[in-house]
Every structure is written in C-alpha cells, then in structure tokens.
N, C-alpha and C. Protein backbone atom coordinates (compact mmCIF):
# COMPACT_ATOMS: atom_id res chain seq x y z
N MET A 1 21.43 7.61 -104.56
CA MET A 1 19.98 8.04 -103.83
C MET A 1 18.99 7.90 -105.03
N PRO A 2 17.98 7.14 -104.50
CA PRO A 2 16.77 6.87 -105.64
C PRO A 2 16.16 8.05 -105.76
N ALA A 3 15.48 8.57 -107.18
CA ALA A 3 15.04 9.46 -107.35
C ALA A 3 13.80 9.76 -106.60
N GLY A 4 13.10 10.96 -106.26
CA GLY A 4 11.93 11.03 -105.35
C GLY A 4 12.22 10.96 -103.92
N VAL A 5 13.52 10.70 -103.46
CA VAL A 5 13.85 10.79 -102.13
C VAL A 5 14.31 11.98 -101.64
N VAL A 6 13.72 12.61 -100.69
CA VAL A 6 14.15 13.84 -99.93
C VAL A 6 15.35 13.73 -98.86
N ASN A 7 16.41 14.24 -99.20
CA ASN A 7 17.89 13.74 -98.52
C ASN A 7 17.70 14.72 -97.39
N LEU A 8 17.88 14.24 -96.17
CA LEU A 8 17.64 15.24 -94.98
C LEU A 8 18.93 14.69 -94.05
N CYS A 9 19.88 14.10 -95.03
CA CYS A 9 21.38 13.65 -94.05
C CYS A 9 21.86 15.20 -93.84
N GLY A 10 22.68 15.02 -92.52
CA GLY A 10 23.28 16.19 -91.87
C GLY A 10 22.40 17.12 -91.04
N LYS A 11 21.02 16.75 -91.30
CA LYS A 11 20.13 17.60 -90.07
C LYS A 11 20.00 16.69 -89.16
N ILE A 12 19.95 17.26 -87.79
CA ILE A 12 19.69 16.35 -86.60
C ILE A 12 18.38 16.65 -85.99
N CYS A 13 17.88 15.68 -85.31
CA CYS A 13 16.75 15.82 -84.81
C CYS A 13 16.56 17.00 -83.81
N PRO A 14 15.65 17.78 -83.75
CA PRO A 14 14.33 17.41 -84.38
C PRO A 14 13.89 17.85 -85.93
N PHE A 15 14.64 18.52 -86.29
CA PHE A 15 14.64 19.20 -87.87
C PHE A 15 14.07 18.31 -88.72
N PRO A 16 14.53 16.96 -89.14
CA PRO A 16 13.93 16.09 -89.97
C PRO A 16 12.42 15.66 -89.70
N ILE A 17 12.08 15.75 -88.35
CA ILE A 17 10.76 15.46 -87.94
C ILE A 17 9.79 16.49 -88.59
N PHE A 18 10.09 17.72 -88.18
CA PHE A 18 9.25 18.93 -88.59
C PHE A 18 9.14 18.72 -90.14
N ILE A 19 10.34 18.35 -90.77
CA ILE A 19 9.92 18.51 -92.28
C ILE A 19 9.10 17.11 -92.79
N ILE A 20 9.24 16.10 -92.27
CA ILE A 20 8.62 14.93 -92.56
C ILE A 20 7.12 15.07 -92.27
N ILE A 21 6.75 15.82 -90.95
CA ILE A 21 5.43 15.92 -90.44
C ILE A 21 4.89 16.79 -91.61
N GLY A 22 5.57 17.82 -91.83
CA GLY A 22 5.20 18.88 -92.73
C GLY A 22 4.59 18.29 -94.05
N GLN A 23 5.53 17.36 -94.61
CA GLN A 23 5.21 16.61 -95.82
C GLN A 23 3.95 15.73 -95.71
N VAL A 24 3.99 15.32 -94.68
CA VAL A 24 2.86 14.09 -94.35
C VAL A 24 1.42 14.96 -94.39
N ASP A 25 1.53 16.01 -93.67
CA ASP A 25 0.29 16.67 -93.37
C ASP A 25 -0.16 17.30 -94.87
N LYS A 26 0.67 17.18 -95.84
CA LYS A 26 -0.12 17.48 -97.21
C LYS A 26 -0.46 16.48 -98.25
N MET A 27 -0.17 15.11 -97.46
CA MET A 27 -0.19 13.82 -98.24
C MET A 27 -1.83 13.79 -98.95
N LYS A 28 -2.17 13.02 -99.82
CA LYS A 28 -3.59 12.64 -100.09
C LYS A 28 -3.52 11.17 -100.30
N PRO A 29 -4.63 10.82 -100.25
CA PRO A 29 -4.71 9.13 -100.42
C PRO A 29 -4.01 8.65 -101.56
N GLY A 30 -3.36 7.77 -101.54
CA GLY A 30 -2.52 6.89 -102.34
C GLY A 30 -1.08 7.76 -102.52
N ASP A 31 -0.63 8.78 -101.87
CA ASP A 31 0.59 9.31 -101.98
C ASP A 31 1.49 8.66 -101.35
N SER A 32 2.90 8.57 -101.61
CA SER A 32 4.00 8.13 -101.05
C SER A 32 5.06 9.25 -100.90
N LEU A 33 6.06 8.79 -99.79
CA LEU A 33 6.99 9.93 -99.56
C LEU A 33 8.05 9.09 -99.23
N SER A 34 9.37 9.56 -99.64
CA SER A 34 10.69 8.79 -98.73
C SER A 34 11.35 9.90 -98.49
N PHE A 35 12.31 9.57 -97.41
CA PHE A 35 13.19 10.54 -96.70
C PHE A 35 14.48 9.77 -96.56
N LEU A 36 15.80 10.15 -96.67
CA LEU A 36 16.94 9.79 -96.50
C LEU A 36 17.57 10.59 -95.15
N VAL A 37 17.68 9.72 -94.19
CA VAL A 37 18.19 10.39 -92.75
C VAL A 37 19.26 9.55 -92.45
N ASP A 38 20.06 10.34 -91.57
CA ASP A 38 21.27 9.73 -91.09
C ASP A 38 21.58 9.78 -89.50
N ASP A 39 20.41 10.41 -88.95
CA ASP A 39 20.48 10.64 -87.42
C ASP A 39 19.81 9.59 -86.92
N PRO A 40 20.11 8.66 -86.08
CA PRO A 40 19.61 7.60 -85.86
C PRO A 40 18.35 7.77 -84.79
N LEU A 41 18.12 9.24 -84.10
CA LEU A 41 17.04 9.36 -83.41
C LEU A 41 16.09 9.88 -84.09
N VAL A 42 15.95 10.00 -85.65
CA VAL A 42 14.80 10.11 -86.47
C VAL A 42 14.13 8.89 -86.44
N LEU A 43 14.78 7.65 -86.25
CA LEU A 43 14.18 6.16 -86.67
C LEU A 43 13.40 6.08 -85.42
N LYS A 44 13.44 6.70 -84.26
CA LYS A 44 12.75 6.63 -83.15
C LYS A 44 11.42 7.47 -83.03
N SER A 45 11.74 8.85 -83.27
CA SER A 45 10.87 9.72 -83.25
C SER A 45 10.09 9.74 -84.65
N ALA A 46 10.39 9.28 -85.72
CA ALA A 46 9.47 9.34 -86.93
C ALA A 46 8.36 8.50 -86.40
N PRO A 47 8.70 7.18 -86.11
CA PRO A 47 7.40 6.23 -86.06
C PRO A 47 6.59 6.68 -84.76
N GLU A 48 7.06 7.40 -83.92
CA GLU A 48 6.21 7.80 -82.96
C GLU A 48 5.33 8.75 -83.22
N GLU A 49 5.72 9.74 -83.83
CA GLU A 49 5.21 10.80 -84.43
C GLU A 49 3.93 10.49 -85.65
N LEU A 50 4.36 9.65 -86.37
CA LEU A 50 3.27 8.84 -87.42
C LEU A 50 2.22 8.19 -86.69
N GLU A 51 2.26 7.73 -85.58
CA GLU A 51 1.12 7.01 -84.83
C GLU A 51 0.02 7.81 -84.95
N ASP A 52 0.03 9.04 -84.95
CA ASP A 52 -0.83 10.20 -84.83
C ASP A 52 -1.97 10.01 -85.83
N TYR A 53 -1.61 9.51 -87.11
CA TYR A 53 -2.05 9.60 -88.43
C TYR A 53 -2.74 8.21 -88.79
N ALA A 54 -3.98 8.17 -89.12
CA ALA A 54 -4.72 7.02 -89.82
C ALA A 54 -4.36 6.87 -91.09
N GLY A 55 -4.27 5.62 -91.27
CA GLY A 55 -4.14 5.28 -92.86
C GLY A 55 -2.63 5.58 -93.39
N ILE A 56 -1.75 5.73 -92.70
CA ILE A 56 -0.50 6.08 -93.18
C ILE A 56 0.28 4.63 -92.54
N THR A 57 1.00 4.12 -93.43
CA THR A 57 2.00 3.03 -93.18
C THR A 57 3.40 3.45 -93.36
N HIS A 58 4.56 2.87 -92.79
CA HIS A 58 5.77 3.18 -92.96
C HIS A 58 6.70 2.26 -92.86
N SER A 59 7.96 2.33 -93.54
CA SER A 59 9.16 1.36 -93.30
C SER A 59 10.35 2.13 -93.17
N ILE A 60 11.49 1.27 -92.80
CA ILE A 60 12.45 1.84 -92.63
C ILE A 60 13.68 0.95 -93.19
N LYS A 61 14.25 1.49 -94.07
CA LYS A 61 15.36 0.83 -94.98
C LYS A 61 16.70 1.11 -94.63
N PRO A 62 17.64 0.34 -94.24
CA PRO A 62 19.16 0.75 -94.10
C PRO A 62 19.51 0.67 -95.33
N VAL A 63 20.41 1.89 -95.57
CA VAL A 63 21.27 2.24 -97.03
C VAL A 63 22.71 2.65 -96.50
N GLN A 64 23.42 2.55 -97.31
CA GLN A 64 24.80 2.92 -97.11
C GLN A 64 24.76 4.29 -96.61
N GLU A 65 23.89 5.18 -97.23
CA GLU A 65 24.05 6.71 -96.37
C GLU A 65 23.31 6.76 -95.13
N GLY A 66 22.59 5.95 -94.54
CA GLY A 66 21.81 6.17 -93.35
C GLY A 66 20.68 5.05 -93.74
N TRP A 67 19.46 5.60 -93.83
CA TRP A 67 18.09 4.97 -93.71
C TRP A 67 17.32 5.69 -94.82
N ILE A 68 16.35 4.70 -95.24
CA ILE A 68 15.15 5.53 -96.11
C ILE A 68 14.15 5.20 -95.25
N ILE A 69 13.08 6.29 -95.08
CA ILE A 69 11.96 5.99 -94.31
C ILE A 69 10.95 6.37 -95.54
N SER A 70 9.96 5.43 -95.92
CA SER A 70 9.19 5.43 -96.66
C SER A 70 7.90 5.58 -96.15
N ILE A 71 6.79 6.41 -96.43
CA ILE A 71 5.66 6.68 -95.63
C ILE A 71 4.59 6.77 -96.92
N ASN A 72 3.48 5.94 -96.73
CA ASN A 72 2.42 5.50 -97.60
C ASN A 72 0.90 6.00 -97.14
N MET A 73 0.32 6.65 -97.63
CA MET A 73 -1.13 6.96 -97.27
C MET A 73 -2.04 6.02 -98.08
N GLU A 74 -2.85 5.15 -97.19
CA GLU A 74 -3.68 4.32 -97.93
C GLU A 74 -4.57 4.92 -98.83
N SER A 75 -4.85 4.28 -99.98
CA SER A 75 -5.92 4.68 -101.09
C SER A 75 -7.11 5.52 -100.32
N ASP A 76 -7.63 4.73 -99.40
CA ASP A 76 -8.97 5.03 -98.76
C ASP A 76 -8.55 6.29 -97.88
N GLY A 77 -7.46 6.61 -97.52
CA GLY A 77 -6.64 7.65 -96.67
C GLY A 77 -7.48 7.83 -95.46
N GLY A 78 -7.75 9.23 -94.77
CA GLY A 78 -8.22 9.37 -93.58
C GLY A 78 -7.34 9.61 -92.60
N ARG A 79 -7.60 10.63 -91.73
CA ARG A 79 -6.74 11.13 -90.68
C ARG A 79 -7.40 11.09 -89.43
C-alpha cells in the first residue's frame, strides 16, 4: 500500500463513509487524501456524498486489495 493512504479495509459501509467525510471536512485548498477500501458499497456512497462539496474532485483506482479513492481539494478551494 502506498504511503499516505488510509487503510479502511475490513470496515463496512457506512463506517468508511463517516471516516472519509470527517477527513474531507478538515481539508484545506490544495490538500489531497487517499483511502483504501474493500467494500464495494463505498464506491457508490462516497461519490454521492462528495457531490455536496464544491472544489472537490475524486478518482477511484482498482488495486489488488480493493480500491483506492483519491480526493483532492482544488487550490482555490471553496465549499
């Protein structure tokens, strides 16, 4: 697992969503976060929850252990 990735494997929805959103709420412009998840329900729920945040982009990448959700707050930020 790459450094700087929060490992949420073994946690089932909605708990990973609570953790992800809690961390997103603390983000500042230019920040990036990555989360390793293995519950497929998180792949549906996380993007839906992130729609409420202006200036946030995300990507989902499959990896051997599950998926990495990468979240970025644009430099000019804004919520």
